[in-house]
Amino acid sequence: MLTIKNYSNQILTNISLHLKRDENLIILGSNGAGKSTLAKLLCGVTPSKHIEIDSQKLHRLSAKERSRYINYTPPKLEIFDEYIDIKTFLELSRLYGSISVDEALKLLNLKALESKSCQSLSSGEQQRLILASSLLHGAEITIYDEPTANLDPNHTIEVYQILKSNRIKSRIIITHDLTLAYRLGYPIIYMEQGEILFRGESELFFNPLTLKRYFGESLKKIDNYFVVNI
């Protein structure tokens, strides 16, 4: 469904990948590896003739057509209207999703905050609001850039359950959270310095030899959790 072939720019080098309909993908890599740059390229924020979606050139589609196919959710909420509240923001976010605004509020435990200004939310509350908006958008492919950043353990579990559910058609998840990536079990690409160094199944990436190749001795696995080996 989504294809990019042999793309390079100042950050990315010879990037090629193909995502089938209803297929999921996790993008891992160190800071500055080019993960977010790739995500913005895939969703059309950075126009390119190298990207096709449903056999159509992405850069030739109108904004409305692109919004049906693909949605990018940023790692941080940026709202400049100090008066817009959570419920209004979600009402404006609804495009093709099958759930109601009230359902999204309840699912992400935001119902009690629905009249609160978006600008006054904590970073964790903003993260849950971004996820709720993605469900209401309901694109064919949703790109999640660090979806569990700033979340406490309980809310991380809630987000994991949503990311694992059938509420999302197809998802690309950018994350530094190796435990999340491992638990989701989706195919993985690993990037360094703008290149894809690994592309394959989750089981192969989380093989001890593969982990040591990319992380050396800095990573330790304890009871299926991944922690920094300090």
C-alpha atoms as a PDB file:
ATOM      1  CA  MET A   1       0.000   0.000   0.000  1.00  0.00           C
ATOM      2  CA  LEU A   2       2.775   2.459   0.970  1.00  0.00           C
ATOM      3  CA  THR A   3       6.039   2.344  -0.966  1.00  0.00           C
ATOM      4  CA  ILE A   4       9.221   4.391  -1.050  1.00  0.00           C
ATOM      5  CA  LYS A   5      12.083   3.503  -3.375  1.00  0.00           C
ATOM      6  CA  ASN A   6      15.744   4.534  -3.231  1.00  0.00           C
ATOM      7  CA  TYR A   7      15.184   7.885  -1.546  1.00  0.00           C
ATOM      8  CA  SER A   8      18.054  10.040  -0.313  1.00  0.00           C
ATOM      9  CA  ASN A   9      18.330  13.586   0.990  1.00  0.00           C
ATOM     10  CA  GLN A  10      20.630  15.462   3.369  1.00  0.00           C
ATOM     11  CA  ILE A  11      19.616  13.138   6.232  1.00  0.00           C
ATOM     12  CA  LEU A  12      18.358   9.884   4.690  1.00  0.00           C
ATOM     13  CA  THR A  13      20.388   7.543   2.495  1.00  0.00           C
ATOM     14  CA  ASN A  14      18.924   5.124  -0.075  1.00  0.00           C
ATOM     15  CA  ILE A  15      15.701   4.452   1.825  1.00  0.00           C
ATOM     16  CA  SER A  16      13.358   1.793   0.433  1.00  0.00           C
ATOM     17  CA  LEU A  17      10.430   0.102   2.159  1.00  0.00           C
ATOM     18  CA  HIS A  18       6.999  -1.324   1.402  1.00  0.00           C
ATOM     19  CA  LEU A  19       4.060  -1.514   3.786  1.00  0.00           C
ATOM     20  CA  LYS A  20       1.136  -3.709   2.753  1.00  0.00           C
ATOM     21  CA  ARG A  21      -2.480  -2.903   3.599  1.00  0.00           C
ATOM     22  CA  ASP A  22      -3.217  -3.572   7.297  1.00  0.00           C
ATOM     23  CA  GLU A  23       0.480  -4.277   7.933  1.00  0.00           C
ATOM     24  CA  ASN A  24       2.257  -2.678  10.902  1.00  0.00           C
ATOM     25  CA  LEU A  25       5.820  -1.480  11.377  1.00  0.00           C
ATOM     26  CA  ILE A  26       8.057  -0.278  14.201  1.00  0.00           C
ATOM     27  CA  ILE A  27      10.922   2.137  13.527  1.00  0.00           C
ATOM     28  CA  LEU A  28      13.793   2.063  16.016  1.00  0.00           C
ATOM     29  CA  GLY A  29      17.070   3.939  16.097  1.00  0.00           C
ATOM     30  CA  SER A  30      19.278   6.284  18.072  1.00  0.00           C
ATOM     31  CA  ASN A  31      18.661  10.028  18.406  1.00  0.00           C
ATOM     32  CA  GLY A  32      19.314  11.746  15.091  1.00  0.00           C
ATOM     33  CA  ALA A  33      19.028   8.508  13.101  1.00  0.00           C
ATOM     34  CA  GLY A  34      16.413  10.027  10.776  1.00  0.00           C
ATOM     35  CA  LYS A  35      13.284   8.347  12.154  1.00  0.00           C
ATOM     36  CA  SER A  36      11.082  11.439  12.362  1.00  0.00           C
ATOM     37  CA  THR A  37      12.472  12.725   9.060  1.00  0.00           C
ATOM     38  CA  LEU A  38      11.381   9.460   7.455  1.00  0.00           C
ATOM     39  CA  ALA A  39       7.943   9.690   9.084  1.00  0.00           C
ATOM     40  CA  LYS A  40       7.341  13.212   7.762  1.00  0.00           C
ATOM     41  CA  LEU A  41       8.431  12.063   4.327  1.00  0.00           C
ATOM     42  CA  LEU A  42       6.029   9.108   4.371  1.00  0.00           C
ATOM     43  CA  CYS A  43       3.023  11.241   5.309  1.00  0.00           C
ATOM     44  CA  GLY A  44       3.710  13.943   2.733  1.00  0.00           C
ATOM     45  CA  VAL A  45       4.861  16.742   5.043  1.00  0.00           C
ATOM     46  CA  THR A  46       8.053  16.602   2.967  1.00  0.00           C
ATOM     47  CA  PRO A  47       6.773  16.214  -0.628  1.00  0.00           C
ATOM     48  CA  SER A  48       8.541  13.623  -2.789  1.00  0.00           C
ATOM     49  CA  LYS A  49       7.844  11.855  -6.064  1.00  0.00           C
ATOM     50  CA  HIS A  50       9.493   8.722  -4.604  1.00  0.00           C
ATOM     51  CA  ILE A  51       6.472   7.801  -2.449  1.00  0.00           C
ATOM     52  CA  GLU A  52       3.396   5.934  -3.623  1.00  0.00           C
ATOM     53  CA  ILE A  53       0.268   5.019  -1.715  1.00  0.00           C
ATOM     54  CA  ASP A  54      -2.253   2.667  -3.292  1.00  0.00           C
ATOM     55  CA  SER A  55      -0.246   2.957  -6.536  1.00  0.00           C
ATOM     56  CA  GLN A  56      -0.700   6.742  -6.573  1.00  0.00           C
ATOM     57  CA  LYS A  57       2.030   9.350  -6.213  1.00  0.00           C
ATOM     58  CA  LEU A  58       1.538  10.788  -2.738  1.00  0.00           C
ATOM     59  CA  HIS A  59       2.662  14.306  -3.687  1.00  0.00           C
ATOM     60  CA  ARG A  60      -0.031  14.490  -6.383  1.00  0.00           C
ATOM     61  CA  LEU A  61      -2.901  13.827  -3.974  1.00  0.00           C
ATOM     62  CA  SER A  62      -4.879  16.694  -2.467  1.00  0.00           C
ATOM     63  CA  ALA A  63      -4.629  17.345   1.269  1.00  0.00           C
ATOM     64  CA  LYS A  64      -8.088  15.793   1.717  1.00  0.00           C
ATOM     65  CA  GLU A  65      -7.099  12.648  -0.190  1.00  0.00           C
ATOM     66  CA  ARG A  66      -3.864  12.320   1.802  1.00  0.00           C
ATOM     67  CA  SER A  67      -5.773  12.716   5.067  1.00  0.00           C
ATOM     68  CA  ARG A  68      -7.847   9.639   4.248  1.00  0.00           C
ATOM     69  CA  TYR A  69      -4.761   7.555   3.545  1.00  0.00           C
ATOM     70  CA  ILE A  70      -2.248   8.646   6.150  1.00  0.00           C
ATOM     71  CA  ASN A  71      -2.007  10.593   9.418  1.00  0.00           C
ATOM     72  CA  TYR A  72       1.089  11.656  11.362  1.00  0.00           C
ATOM     73  CA  THR A  73       0.788  12.107  15.132  1.00  0.00           C
ATOM     74  CA  PRO A  74       3.686  14.146  16.561  1.00  0.00           C
ATOM     75  CA  PRO A  75       5.552  13.394  19.797  1.00  0.00           C
ATOM     76  CA  LYS A  76       4.357  16.681  21.287  1.00  0.00           C
ATOM     77  CA  LEU A  77       1.041  18.541  21.094  1.00  0.00           C
ATOM     78  CA  GLU A  78       1.312  22.079  19.740  1.00  0.00           C
ATOM     79  CA  ILE A  79      -1.820  24.205  20.103  1.00  0.00           C
ATOM     80  CA  PHE A  80      -1.614  27.990  19.914  1.00  0.00           C
ATOM     81  CA  ASP A  81      -5.247  28.757  20.825  1.00  0.00           C
ATOM     82  CA  GLU A  82      -5.278  29.048  24.613  1.00  0.00           C
ATOM     83  CA  TYR A  83      -9.075  28.722  24.753  1.00  0.00           C
ATOM     84  CA  ILE A  84      -9.596  25.458  22.839  1.00  0.00           C
ATOM     85  CA  ASP A  85     -10.622  22.652  25.177  1.00  0.00           C
ATOM     86  CA  ILE A  86     -10.139  18.903  24.863  1.00  0.00           C
ATOM     87  CA  LYS A  87     -13.630  18.094  23.596  1.00  0.00           C
ATOM     88  CA  THR A  88     -13.544  20.833  20.943  1.00  0.00           C
ATOM     89  CA  PHE A  89     -10.112  19.700  19.791  1.00  0.00           C
ATOM     90  CA  LEU A  90     -11.350  16.131  19.391  1.00  0.00           C
ATOM     91  CA  GLU A  91     -14.496  17.233  17.564  1.00  0.00           C
ATOM     92  CA  LEU A  92     -12.251  19.038  15.075  1.00  0.00           C
ATOM     93  CA  SER A  93     -10.065  15.916  14.785  1.00  0.00           C
ATOM     94  CA  ARG A  94     -12.872  13.593  13.718  1.00  0.00           C
ATOM     95  CA  LEU A  95     -12.703  12.664  10.045  1.00  0.00           C
ATOM     96  CA  TYR A  96     -13.057   8.970   9.180  1.00  0.00           C
ATOM     97  CA  GLY A  97     -12.912   7.246  12.568  1.00  0.00           C
ATOM     98  CA  SER A  98     -15.694   4.870  13.576  1.00  0.00           C
ATOM     99  CA  ILE A  99     -15.843   5.913  17.239  1.00  0.00           C
ATOM    100  CA  SER A 100     -17.506   8.987  18.757  1.00  0.00           C
ATOM    101  CA  VAL A 101     -15.764  11.791  20.615  1.00  0.00           C
ATOM    102  CA  ASP A 102     -17.270  10.567  23.905  1.00  0.00           C
ATOM    103  CA  GLU A 103     -15.968   7.053  23.260  1.00  0.00           C
ATOM    104  CA  ALA A 104     -12.479   8.420  22.588  1.00  0.00           C
ATOM    105  CA  LEU A 105     -12.595  10.498  25.771  1.00  0.00           C
ATOM    106  CA  LYS A 106     -13.562   7.466  27.856  1.00  0.00           C
ATOM    107  CA  LEU A 107     -11.076   5.153  26.150  1.00  0.00           C
ATOM    108  CA  LEU A 108      -8.136   7.438  26.985  1.00  0.00           C
ATOM    109  CA  ASN A 109      -9.488   8.417  30.446  1.00  0.00           C
ATOM    110  CA  LEU A 110      -9.936  12.042  29.390  1.00  0.00           C
ATOM    111  CA  LYS A 111     -13.691  12.385  30.096  1.00  0.00           C
ATOM    112  CA  ALA A 112     -13.187  14.252  33.377  1.00  0.00           C
ATOM    113  CA  LEU A 113     -10.906  16.727  31.596  1.00  0.00           C
ATOM    114  CA  GLU A 114     -13.051  17.377  28.504  1.00  0.00           C
ATOM    115  CA  SER A 115     -13.645  21.067  29.349  1.00  0.00           C
ATOM    116  CA  LYS A 116     -10.012  21.730  30.230  1.00  0.00           C
ATOM    117  CA  SER A 117      -7.858  23.900  27.972  1.00  0.00           C
ATOM    118  CA  CYS A 118      -5.468  21.828  25.844  1.00  0.00           C
ATOM    119  CA  GLN A 119      -2.635  24.195  26.697  1.00  0.00           C
ATOM    120  CA  SER A 120      -3.056  23.519  30.418  1.00  0.00           C
ATOM    121  CA  LEU A 121      -2.638  19.753  30.115  1.00  0.00           C
ATOM    122  CA  SER A 122       0.347  17.886  31.474  1.00  0.00           C
ATOM    123  CA  SER A 123       2.688  16.269  28.946  1.00  0.00           C
ATOM    124  CA  GLY A 124       1.179  12.859  29.681  1.00  0.00           C
ATOM    125  CA  GLU A 125      -2.383  14.138  29.226  1.00  0.00           C
ATOM    126  CA  GLN A 126      -1.365  15.741  25.935  1.00  0.00           C
ATOM    127  CA  GLN A 127       0.074  12.426  24.784  1.00  0.00           C
ATOM    128  CA  ARG A 128      -3.230  10.665  25.449  1.00  0.00           C
ATOM    129  CA  LEU A 129      -5.091  13.460  23.656  1.00  0.00           C
ATOM    130  CA  ILE A 130      -2.918  12.967  20.562  1.00  0.00           C
ATOM    131  CA  LEU A 131      -3.732   9.251  20.569  1.00  0.00           C
ATOM    132  CA  ALA A 132      -7.459   9.951  20.967  1.00  0.00           C
ATOM    133  CA  SER A 133      -7.352  12.346  18.005  1.00  0.00           C
ATOM    134  CA  SER A 134      -5.682   9.680  15.840  1.00  0.00           C
ATOM    135  CA  LEU A 135      -8.542   7.248  16.508  1.00  0.00           C
ATOM    136  CA  LEU A 136     -11.057   9.902  15.476  1.00  0.00           C
ATOM    137  CA  HIS A 137      -9.063  10.756  12.362  1.00  0.00           C
ATOM    138  CA  GLY A 138      -9.231   7.087  11.300  1.00  0.00           C
ATOM    139  CA  ALA A 139      -6.698   7.138   8.440  1.00  0.00           C
ATOM    140  CA  GLU A 140      -5.709   3.959   6.599  1.00  0.00           C
ATOM    141  CA  ILE A 141      -2.174   4.356   8.028  1.00  0.00           C
ATOM    142  CA  THR A 142      -1.331   6.205  11.236  1.00  0.00           C
ATOM    143  CA  ILE A 143       2.243   7.154  12.100  1.00  0.00           C
ATOM    144  CA  TYR A 144       2.851   7.418  15.858  1.00  0.00           C
ATOM    145  CA  ASP A 145       5.981   9.342  16.814  1.00  0.00           C
ATOM    146  CA  GLU A 146       6.971   8.319  20.369  1.00  0.00           C
ATOM    147  CA  PRO A 147       3.396   7.472  21.514  1.00  0.00           C
ATOM    148  CA  THR A 148       4.417   6.544  25.083  1.00  0.00           C
ATOM    149  CA  ALA A 149       6.712   9.501  25.766  1.00  0.00           C
ATOM    150  CA  ASN A 150       5.939  11.195  29.114  1.00  0.00           C
ATOM    151  CA  LEU A 151       3.446   8.518  30.178  1.00  0.00           C
ATOM    152  CA  ASP A 152       3.330   6.869  33.580  1.00  0.00           C
ATOM    153  CA  PRO A 153       3.199   3.033  33.725  1.00  0.00           C
ATOM    154  CA  ASN A 154      -0.606   2.787  33.966  1.00  0.00           C
ATOM    155  CA  HIS A 155      -1.209   5.004  30.944  1.00  0.00           C
ATOM    156  CA  THR A 156       1.587   3.281  29.031  1.00  0.00           C
ATOM    157  CA  ILE A 157      -0.362   0.035  29.416  1.00  0.00           C
ATOM    158  CA  GLU A 158      -3.530   1.739  28.124  1.00  0.00           C
ATOM    159  CA  VAL A 159      -1.682   3.046  25.060  1.00  0.00           C
ATOM    160  CA  TYR A 160      -0.122  -0.378  24.436  1.00  0.00           C
ATOM    161  CA  GLN A 161      -3.556  -1.983  24.501  1.00  0.00           C
ATOM    162  CA  ILE A 162      -4.877   0.512  21.946  1.00  0.00           C
ATOM    163  CA  LEU A 163      -1.833   0.143  19.688  1.00  0.00           C
ATOM    164  CA  LYS A 164      -2.284  -3.630  19.813  1.00  0.00           C
ATOM    165  CA  SER A 165      -6.036  -3.477  19.140  1.00  0.00           C
ATOM    166  CA  ASN A 166      -7.998  -3.521  15.892  1.00  0.00           C
ATOM    167  CA  ARG A 167      -9.135   0.087  16.407  1.00  0.00           C
ATOM    168  CA  ILE A 168      -6.274   1.192  14.132  1.00  0.00           C
ATOM    169  CA  LYS A 169      -6.142  -0.037  10.550  1.00  0.00           C
ATOM    170  CA  SER A 170      -2.371   0.100   9.999  1.00  0.00           C
ATOM    171  CA  ARG A 171       0.273   1.707  12.183  1.00  0.00           C
ATOM    172  CA  ILE A 172       3.889   2.818  11.951  1.00  0.00           C
ATOM    173  CA  ILE A 173       5.319   3.337  15.427  1.00  0.00           C
ATOM    174  CA  ILE A 174       8.496   5.303  16.084  1.00  0.00           C
ATOM    175  CA  THR A 175       9.805   4.619  19.561  1.00  0.00           C
ATOM    176  CA  HIS A 176      12.824   4.384  21.845  1.00  0.00           C
ATOM    177  CA  ASP A 177      10.835   2.077  24.132  1.00  0.00           C
ATOM    178  CA  LEU A 178      12.278  -1.348  23.360  1.00  0.00           C
ATOM    179  CA  THR A 179       9.936  -3.087  25.797  1.00  0.00           C
ATOM    180  CA  LEU A 180       6.946  -1.600  23.955  1.00  0.00           C
ATOM    181  CA  ALA A 181       8.404  -2.671  20.600  1.00  0.00           C
ATOM    182  CA  TYR A 182       9.072  -6.173  21.903  1.00  0.00           C
ATOM    183  CA  ARG A 183       5.579  -6.579  23.367  1.00  0.00           C
ATOM    184  CA  LEU A 184       3.856  -5.331  20.213  1.00  0.00           C
ATOM    185  CA  GLY A 185       5.797  -7.818  18.118  1.00  0.00           C
ATOM    186  CA  TYR A 186       5.461  -5.952  14.809  1.00  0.00           C
ATOM    187  CA  PRO A 187       8.152  -6.084  12.085  1.00  0.00           C
ATOM    188  CA  ILE A 188      11.041  -3.721  12.755  1.00  0.00           C
ATOM    189  CA  ILE A 189      13.418  -1.458  10.910  1.00  0.00           C
ATOM    190  CA  TYR A 190      16.432  -0.096  12.768  1.00  0.00           C
ATOM    191  CA  MET A 191      18.095   3.111  11.598  1.00  0.00           C
ATOM    192  CA  GLU A 192      21.452   4.758  12.167  1.00  0.00           C
ATOM    193  CA  GLN A 193      22.729   7.955  10.567  1.00  0.00           C
ATOM    194  CA  GLY A 194      19.928   8.031   8.037  1.00  0.00           C
ATOM    195  CA  GLU A 195      20.282   4.433   6.856  1.00  0.00           C
ATOM    196  CA  ILE A 196      18.202   1.330   7.451  1.00  0.00           C
ATOM    197  CA  LEU A 197      20.596  -1.217   8.953  1.00  0.00           C
ATOM    198  CA  PHE A 198      18.019  -3.849   9.933  1.00  0.00           C
ATOM    199  CA  ARG A 199      14.718  -4.857   8.382  1.00  0.00           C
ATOM    200  CA  GLY A 200      12.902  -7.966   9.591  1.00  0.00           C
ATOM    201  CA  GLU A 201      10.673  -9.700  12.090  1.00  0.00           C
ATOM    202  CA  SER A 202      10.593  -8.704  15.747  1.00  0.00           C
ATOM    203  CA  GLU A 203      11.835 -12.102  16.900  1.00  0.00           C
ATOM    204  CA  LEU A 204      14.994 -11.758  14.833  1.00  0.00           C
ATOM    205  CA  PHE A 205      15.716  -8.200  15.997  1.00  0.00           C
ATOM    206  CA  PHE A 206      15.358  -9.123  19.650  1.00  0.00           C
ATOM    207  CA  ASN A 207      17.754 -12.016  19.278  1.00  0.00           C
ATOM    208  CA  PRO A 208      20.654 -11.426  21.750  1.00  0.00           C
ATOM    209  CA  LEU A 209      23.220 -11.339  18.940  1.00  0.00           C
ATOM    210  CA  THR A 210      21.283  -8.670  17.005  1.00  0.00           C
ATOM    211  CA  LEU A 211      20.779  -6.570  20.129  1.00  0.00           C
ATOM    212  CA  LYS A 212      24.477  -6.750  20.951  1.00  0.00           C
ATOM    213  CA  ARG A 213      25.370  -5.684  17.398  1.00  0.00           C
ATOM    214  CA  TYR A 214      23.407  -2.438  17.726  1.00  0.00           C
ATOM    215  CA  PHE A 215      23.531  -1.706  21.451  1.00  0.00           C
ATOM    216  CA  GLY A 216      26.734  -3.368  22.611  1.00  0.00           C
ATOM    217  CA  GLU A 217      26.772  -3.873  26.372  1.00  0.00           C
ATOM    218  CA  SER A 218      24.517  -0.875  27.095  1.00  0.00           C
ATOM    219  CA  LEU A 219      21.313  -2.934  27.126  1.00  0.00           C
ATOM    220  CA  LYS A 220      20.134  -5.647  29.474  1.00  0.00           C
ATOM    221  CA  LYS A 221      17.073  -7.897  29.163  1.00  0.00           C
ATOM    222  CA  ILE A 222      15.395  -8.838  32.437  1.00  0.00           C
ATOM    223  CA  ASP A 223      12.208 -10.929  32.409  1.00  0.00           C
ATOM    224  CA  ASN A 224      11.273  -9.686  28.915  1.00  0.00           C
ATOM    225  CA  TYR A 225      11.930  -6.041  29.849  1.00  0.00           C
ATOM    226  CA  PHE A 226      14.785  -4.006  28.397  1.00  0.00           C
ATOM    227  CA  VAL A 227      16.763  -1.702  30.677  1.00  0.00           C
ATOM    228  CA  VAL A 228      19.921   0.370  30.391  1.00  0.00           C
ATOM    229  CA  ASN A 229      22.862  -1.594  31.753  1.00  0.00           C
ATOM    230  CA  ILE A 230      24.236   1.050  34.134  1.00  0.00           C
END
